[in-house]
Amino acid sequence: MRGLRSLLTGRAGRWLLPWGLGLGLLLNLAYPMYRHYDFSHSLDTRSYLRLATGHYDSVSVTRRYRVLVPLAARALAQPLAALGQPATPANEWPLRLAFYVVNCLLLSFAAALWHRAARLAGASTAAAAVALAAVLSSRWAAYAAGLPLTDSLYLVVFGLGYYAWQRGAGAAGQ
């Protein structure tokens, strides 16, 4: 028990707790979006699913360069496919589930960055946690985490920039 307390109150806990809070919220709130979304209406989600399967020629040039999240989802989908075969169109379930997991992990990391930056800006732990929960419980967070999209990586990049700025490393030449 003593080791767990020191882990949660130490440097790792300052990152682990907001990341865990964000991940718990996203896994819960984005699941209905992942499970029940009608993919036939979204060109974006169909494009990223095609990117993840290696079909670059059928994806518009504006989305073709966004490969990091689809590649991570593809890598995760391969072991997931061995778990079973629920009925989904074209057996895309491992890839859709992989996008859901990858996006939840990335977006919760972005939330941990926002939480740490808010703490550096002077917010209390409770206030930063409430703000994190408010942002992640929005419709757009569930959309970004639950669907095969790449927005979660953009939010990590913006989170890294905001965190760096709060740490004092934001301006060039400093």
C-alpha atoms as a PDB file:
ATOM      1  CA  MET A   1       0.000   0.000   0.000  1.00  0.00           C
ATOM      2  CA  ARG A   2       2.859   2.323   0.799  1.00  0.00           C
ATOM      3  CA  GLY A   3       4.406   1.805  -2.653  1.00  0.00           C
ATOM      4  CA  LEU A   4       1.120   2.585  -4.374  1.00  0.00           C
ATOM      5  CA  ARG A   5       0.727   5.775  -2.358  1.00  0.00           C
ATOM      6  CA  SER A   6       4.227   6.941  -3.269  1.00  0.00           C
ATOM      7  CA  LEU A   7       3.557   6.111  -6.937  1.00  0.00           C
ATOM      8  CA  LEU A   8       0.322   8.100  -7.000  1.00  0.00           C
ATOM      9  CA  THR A   9       1.697  11.096  -5.110  1.00  0.00           C
ATOM     10  CA  GLY A  10       5.045  11.205  -6.918  1.00  0.00           C
ATOM     11  CA  ARG A  11       6.002  12.465 -10.334  1.00  0.00           C
ATOM     12  CA  ALA A  12       4.366   9.517 -12.110  1.00  0.00           C
ATOM     13  CA  GLY A  13       1.096  10.112 -10.257  1.00  0.00           C
ATOM     14  CA  ARG A  14       0.937  13.685 -11.510  1.00  0.00           C
ATOM     15  CA  TRP A  15       0.633  12.229 -15.000  1.00  0.00           C
ATOM     16  CA  LEU A  16      -0.965   8.859 -14.284  1.00  0.00           C
ATOM     17  CA  LEU A  17      -4.012  10.101 -12.396  1.00  0.00           C
ATOM     18  CA  PRO A  18      -5.237  12.638 -14.995  1.00  0.00           C
ATOM     19  CA  TRP A  19      -4.448  10.178 -17.786  1.00  0.00           C
ATOM     20  CA  GLY A  20      -6.415   7.457 -15.987  1.00  0.00           C
ATOM     21  CA  LEU A  21      -9.327   9.815 -15.340  1.00  0.00           C
ATOM     22  CA  GLY A  22      -9.350  10.846 -18.986  1.00  0.00           C
ATOM     23  CA  LEU A  23      -9.085   7.278 -20.226  1.00  0.00           C
ATOM     24  CA  GLY A  24     -11.917   6.119 -17.967  1.00  0.00           C
ATOM     25  CA  LEU A  25     -14.175   8.933 -19.128  1.00  0.00           C
ATOM     26  CA  LEU A  26     -13.402   8.421 -22.801  1.00  0.00           C
ATOM     27  CA  LEU A  27     -13.769   4.658 -22.808  1.00  0.00           C
ATOM     28  CA  ASN A  28     -17.207   5.077 -21.280  1.00  0.00           C
ATOM     29  CA  LEU A  29     -18.471   8.112 -23.181  1.00  0.00           C
ATOM     30  CA  ALA A  30     -17.065   7.235 -26.618  1.00  0.00           C
ATOM     31  CA  TYR A  31     -18.223   3.613 -26.626  1.00  0.00           C
ATOM     32  CA  PRO A  32     -21.750   4.346 -27.944  1.00  0.00           C
ATOM     33  CA  MET A  33     -20.207   6.407 -30.744  1.00  0.00           C
ATOM     34  CA  TYR A  34     -17.843   3.545 -31.625  1.00  0.00           C
ATOM     35  CA  ARG A  35     -20.541   0.892 -31.385  1.00  0.00           C
ATOM     36  CA  HIS A  36     -23.548   2.529 -33.075  1.00  0.00           C
ATOM     37  CA  TYR A  37     -22.222   5.068 -35.558  1.00  0.00           C
ATOM     38  CA  ASP A  38     -23.415   4.705 -39.152  1.00  0.00           C
ATOM     39  CA  PHE A  39     -20.166   4.765 -41.096  1.00  0.00           C
ATOM     40  CA  SER A  40     -21.887   5.047 -44.460  1.00  0.00           C
ATOM     41  CA  HIS A  41     -22.464   8.772 -43.861  1.00  0.00           C
ATOM     42  CA  SER A  42     -18.893   9.798 -43.124  1.00  0.00           C
ATOM     43  CA  LEU A  43     -16.322  10.168 -45.857  1.00  0.00           C
ATOM     44  CA  ASP A  44     -13.641  10.864 -43.224  1.00  0.00           C
ATOM     45  CA  THR A  45     -14.115   7.617 -41.314  1.00  0.00           C
ATOM     46  CA  ARG A  46     -14.268   5.551 -44.494  1.00  0.00           C
ATOM     47  CA  SER A  47     -11.084   7.236 -45.732  1.00  0.00           C
ATOM     48  CA  TYR A  48      -9.148   6.488 -42.556  1.00  0.00           C
ATOM     49  CA  LEU A  49     -10.367   2.888 -42.532  1.00  0.00           C
ATOM     50  CA  ARG A  50      -9.054   2.566 -46.105  1.00  0.00           C
ATOM     51  CA  LEU A  51      -5.746   4.178 -45.104  1.00  0.00           C
ATOM     52  CA  ALA A  52      -5.383   1.666 -42.285  1.00  0.00           C
ATOM     53  CA  THR A  53      -5.827  -1.207 -44.707  1.00  0.00           C
ATOM     54  CA  GLY A  54      -3.189   0.181 -47.080  1.00  0.00           C
ATOM     55  CA  HIS A  55      -5.514   1.487 -49.809  1.00  0.00           C
ATOM     56  CA  TYR A  56      -3.868   4.874 -50.313  1.00  0.00           C
ATOM     57  CA  ASP A  57      -4.936   5.301 -53.921  1.00  0.00           C
ATOM     58  CA  SER A  58      -8.631   5.574 -53.047  1.00  0.00           C
ATOM     59  CA  VAL A  59      -8.083   8.259 -50.373  1.00  0.00           C
ATOM     60  CA  SER A  60      -8.107  11.972 -51.174  1.00  0.00           C
ATOM     61  CA  VAL A  61      -4.799  13.772 -51.067  1.00  0.00           C
ATOM     62  CA  THR A  62      -6.000  15.926 -48.144  1.00  0.00           C
ATOM     63  CA  ARG A  63      -6.216  12.833 -45.921  1.00  0.00           C
ATOM     64  CA  ARG A  64      -3.500  10.652 -47.402  1.00  0.00           C
ATOM     65  CA  TYR A  65      -0.666  12.128 -45.315  1.00  0.00           C
ATOM     66  CA  ARG A  66      -2.416  11.459 -41.977  1.00  0.00           C
ATOM     67  CA  VAL A  67      -1.014   7.969 -41.553  1.00  0.00           C
ATOM     68  CA  LEU A  68       0.230   7.714 -37.963  1.00  0.00           C
ATOM     69  CA  VAL A  69      -3.078   6.949 -36.256  1.00  0.00           C
ATOM     70  CA  PRO A  70      -4.274   4.599 -39.042  1.00  0.00           C
ATOM     71  CA  LEU A  71      -0.947   2.724 -38.913  1.00  0.00           C
ATOM     72  CA  ALA A  72      -1.178   2.371 -35.126  1.00  0.00           C
ATOM     73  CA  ALA A  73      -4.758   1.132 -35.469  1.00  0.00           C
ATOM     74  CA  ARG A  74      -3.691  -1.350 -38.131  1.00  0.00           C
ATOM     75  CA  ALA A  75      -0.930  -2.706 -35.876  1.00  0.00           C
ATOM     76  CA  LEU A  76      -3.382  -3.109 -32.997  1.00  0.00           C
ATOM     77  CA  ALA A  77      -6.127  -4.606 -35.184  1.00  0.00           C
ATOM     78  CA  GLN A  78      -4.049  -7.613 -36.173  1.00  0.00           C
ATOM     79  CA  PRO A  79      -3.935  -9.189 -32.686  1.00  0.00           C
ATOM     80  CA  LEU A  80      -7.525  -8.104 -32.003  1.00  0.00           C
ATOM     81  CA  ALA A  81      -8.743 -10.035 -35.041  1.00  0.00           C
ATOM     82  CA  ALA A  82      -7.702 -13.272 -33.326  1.00  0.00           C
ATOM     83  CA  LEU A  83     -10.251 -12.677 -30.537  1.00  0.00           C
ATOM     84  CA  GLY A  84     -13.338 -13.532 -32.571  1.00  0.00           C
ATOM     85  CA  GLN A  85     -15.644 -12.270 -35.268  1.00  0.00           C
ATOM     86  CA  PRO A  86     -18.639 -10.126 -34.280  1.00  0.00           C
ATOM     87  CA  ALA A  87     -20.905  -9.281 -37.175  1.00  0.00           C
ATOM     88  CA  THR A  88     -19.968  -5.929 -38.706  1.00  0.00           C
ATOM     89  CA  PRO A  89     -19.976  -4.747 -42.306  1.00  0.00           C
ATOM     90  CA  ALA A  90     -16.994  -6.170 -44.193  1.00  0.00           C
ATOM     91  CA  ASN A  91     -15.585  -7.562 -40.920  1.00  0.00           C
ATOM     92  CA  GLU A  92     -14.121  -4.177 -40.017  1.00  0.00           C
ATOM     93  CA  TRP A  93     -14.637  -4.696 -36.287  1.00  0.00           C
ATOM     94  CA  PRO A  94     -10.950  -5.238 -35.356  1.00  0.00           C
ATOM     95  CA  LEU A  95      -9.955  -2.069 -37.182  1.00  0.00           C
ATOM     96  CA  ARG A  96     -12.826  -0.024 -35.732  1.00  0.00           C
ATOM     97  CA  LEU A  97     -12.037  -1.304 -32.228  1.00  0.00           C
ATOM     98  CA  ALA A  98      -8.359  -0.524 -32.737  1.00  0.00           C
ATOM     99  CA  PHE A  99      -9.155   3.053 -33.791  1.00  0.00           C
ATOM    100  CA  TYR A 100     -11.356   3.392 -30.686  1.00  0.00           C
ATOM    101  CA  VAL A 101      -8.564   2.172 -28.383  1.00  0.00           C
ATOM    102  CA  VAL A 102      -5.791   4.199 -30.056  1.00  0.00           C
ATOM    103  CA  ASN A 103      -7.883   7.383 -30.092  1.00  0.00           C
ATOM    104  CA  CYS A 104      -8.921   6.953 -26.445  1.00  0.00           C
ATOM    105  CA  LEU A 105      -5.278   6.456 -25.416  1.00  0.00           C
ATOM    106  CA  LEU A 106      -4.086   9.477 -27.394  1.00  0.00           C
ATOM    107  CA  LEU A 107      -6.900  11.762 -26.314  1.00  0.00           C
ATOM    108  CA  SER A 108      -6.453  10.810 -22.657  1.00  0.00           C
ATOM    109  CA  PHE A 109      -2.741  11.644 -23.014  1.00  0.00           C
ATOM    110  CA  ALA A 110      -3.746  15.029 -24.440  1.00  0.00           C
ATOM    111  CA  ALA A 111      -6.054  15.476 -21.441  1.00  0.00           C
ATOM    112  CA  ALA A 112      -3.181  14.704 -19.064  1.00  0.00           C
ATOM    113  CA  LEU A 113      -1.119  17.373 -20.847  1.00  0.00           C
ATOM    114  CA  TRP A 114      -3.958  19.893 -20.488  1.00  0.00           C
ATOM    115  CA  HIS A 115      -4.320  18.984 -16.804  1.00  0.00           C
ATOM    116  CA  ARG A 116      -0.590  19.430 -16.116  1.00  0.00           C
ATOM    117  CA  ALA A 117      -0.534  22.719 -18.034  1.00  0.00           C
ATOM    118  CA  ALA A 118      -3.520  23.972 -16.038  1.00  0.00           C
ATOM    119  CA  ARG A 119      -1.718  23.039 -12.818  1.00  0.00           C
ATOM    120  CA  LEU A 120       1.355  24.946 -14.004  1.00  0.00           C
ATOM    121  CA  ALA A 121      -0.889  27.916 -14.759  1.00  0.00           C
ATOM    122  CA  GLY A 122      -2.048  27.925 -11.129  1.00  0.00           C
ATOM    123  CA  ALA A 123      -5.257  25.891 -11.158  1.00  0.00           C
ATOM    124  CA  SER A 124      -5.910  23.607  -8.208  1.00  0.00           C
ATOM    125  CA  THR A 125      -5.862  19.858  -8.759  1.00  0.00           C
ATOM    126  CA  ALA A 126      -9.627  19.660  -8.312  1.00  0.00           C
ATOM    127  CA  ALA A 127     -10.325  22.551 -10.687  1.00  0.00           C
ATOM    128  CA  ALA A 128      -8.049  21.075 -13.357  1.00  0.00           C
ATOM    129  CA  ALA A 129      -9.732  17.663 -12.951  1.00  0.00           C
ATOM    130  CA  VAL A 130     -13.214  19.177 -13.275  1.00  0.00           C
ATOM    131  CA  ALA A 131     -12.117  21.061 -16.399  1.00  0.00           C
ATOM    132  CA  LEU A 132     -10.630  17.857 -17.819  1.00  0.00           C
ATOM    133  CA  ALA A 133     -13.884  16.000 -17.146  1.00  0.00           C
ATOM    134  CA  ALA A 134     -15.951  18.811 -18.677  1.00  0.00           C
ATOM    135  CA  VAL A 135     -13.919  18.862 -21.878  1.00  0.00           C
ATOM    136  CA  LEU A 136     -13.786  15.077 -22.258  1.00  0.00           C
ATOM    137  CA  SER A 137     -17.501  14.667 -21.652  1.00  0.00           C
ATOM    138  CA  SER A 138     -18.306  16.849 -24.650  1.00  0.00           C
ATOM    139  CA  ARG A 139     -19.847  15.436 -27.774  1.00  0.00           C
ATOM    140  CA  TRP A 140     -16.750  16.284 -29.803  1.00  0.00           C
ATOM    141  CA  ALA A 141     -14.424  14.335 -27.521  1.00  0.00           C
ATOM    142  CA  ALA A 142     -16.652  11.264 -27.836  1.00  0.00           C
ATOM    143  CA  TYR A 143     -16.703  11.779 -31.593  1.00  0.00           C
ATOM    144  CA  ALA A 144     -12.893  12.087 -31.831  1.00  0.00           C
ATOM    145  CA  ALA A 145     -12.283   9.069 -29.603  1.00  0.00           C
ATOM    146  CA  GLY A 146     -15.004   6.731 -30.806  1.00  0.00           C
ATOM    147  CA  LEU A 147     -14.610   7.015 -34.569  1.00  0.00           C
ATOM    148  CA  PRO A 148     -11.818   6.146 -37.007  1.00  0.00           C
ATOM    149  CA  LEU A 149     -10.431   9.679 -37.155  1.00  0.00           C
ATOM    150  CA  THR A 150      -7.010  11.252 -36.630  1.00  0.00           C
ATOM    151  CA  ASP A 151      -8.031  14.290 -34.562  1.00  0.00           C
ATOM    152  CA  SER A 152      -6.733  12.768 -31.329  1.00  0.00           C
ATOM    153  CA  LEU A 153      -3.144  13.124 -32.548  1.00  0.00           C
ATOM    154  CA  TYR A 154      -3.720  16.785 -33.393  1.00  0.00           C
ATOM    155  CA  LEU A 155      -5.029  17.335 -29.879  1.00  0.00           C
ATOM    156  CA  VAL A 156      -1.885  15.704 -28.452  1.00  0.00           C
ATOM    157  CA  VAL A 157       0.274  18.074 -30.524  1.00  0.00           C
ATOM    158  CA  PHE A 158      -1.687  21.115 -29.318  1.00  0.00           C
ATOM    159  CA  GLY A 159      -1.519  19.769 -25.753  1.00  0.00           C
ATOM    160  CA  LEU A 160       2.255  19.419 -26.029  1.00  0.00           C
ATOM    161  CA  GLY A 161       2.491  23.005 -27.279  1.00  0.00           C
ATOM    162  CA  TYR A 162       0.322  24.344 -24.469  1.00  0.00           C
ATOM    163  CA  TYR A 163       2.246  22.349 -21.860  1.00  0.00           C
ATOM    164  CA  ALA A 164       5.579  23.586 -23.271  1.00  0.00           C
ATOM    165  CA  TRP A 165       4.319  27.167 -23.205  1.00  0.00           C
ATOM    166  CA  GLN A 166       3.246  26.822 -19.568  1.00  0.00           C
ATOM    167  CA  ARG A 167       6.636  25.313 -18.699  1.00  0.00           C
ATOM    168  CA  GLY A 168       8.301  28.386 -20.187  1.00  0.00           C
ATOM    169  CA  ALA A 169       9.698  26.780 -23.317  1.00  0.00           C
ATOM    170  CA  GLY A 170       7.087  28.143 -25.674  1.00  0.00           C
ATOM    171  CA  ALA A 171       8.797  31.137 -27.294  1.00  0.00           C
ATOM    172  CA  ALA A 172      11.549  30.561 -29.812  1.00  0.00           C
ATOM    173  CA  GLY A 173      14.915  31.743 -28.592  1.00  0.00           C
ATOM    174  CA  GLN A 174      14.221  31.334 -24.889  1.00  0.00           C
END
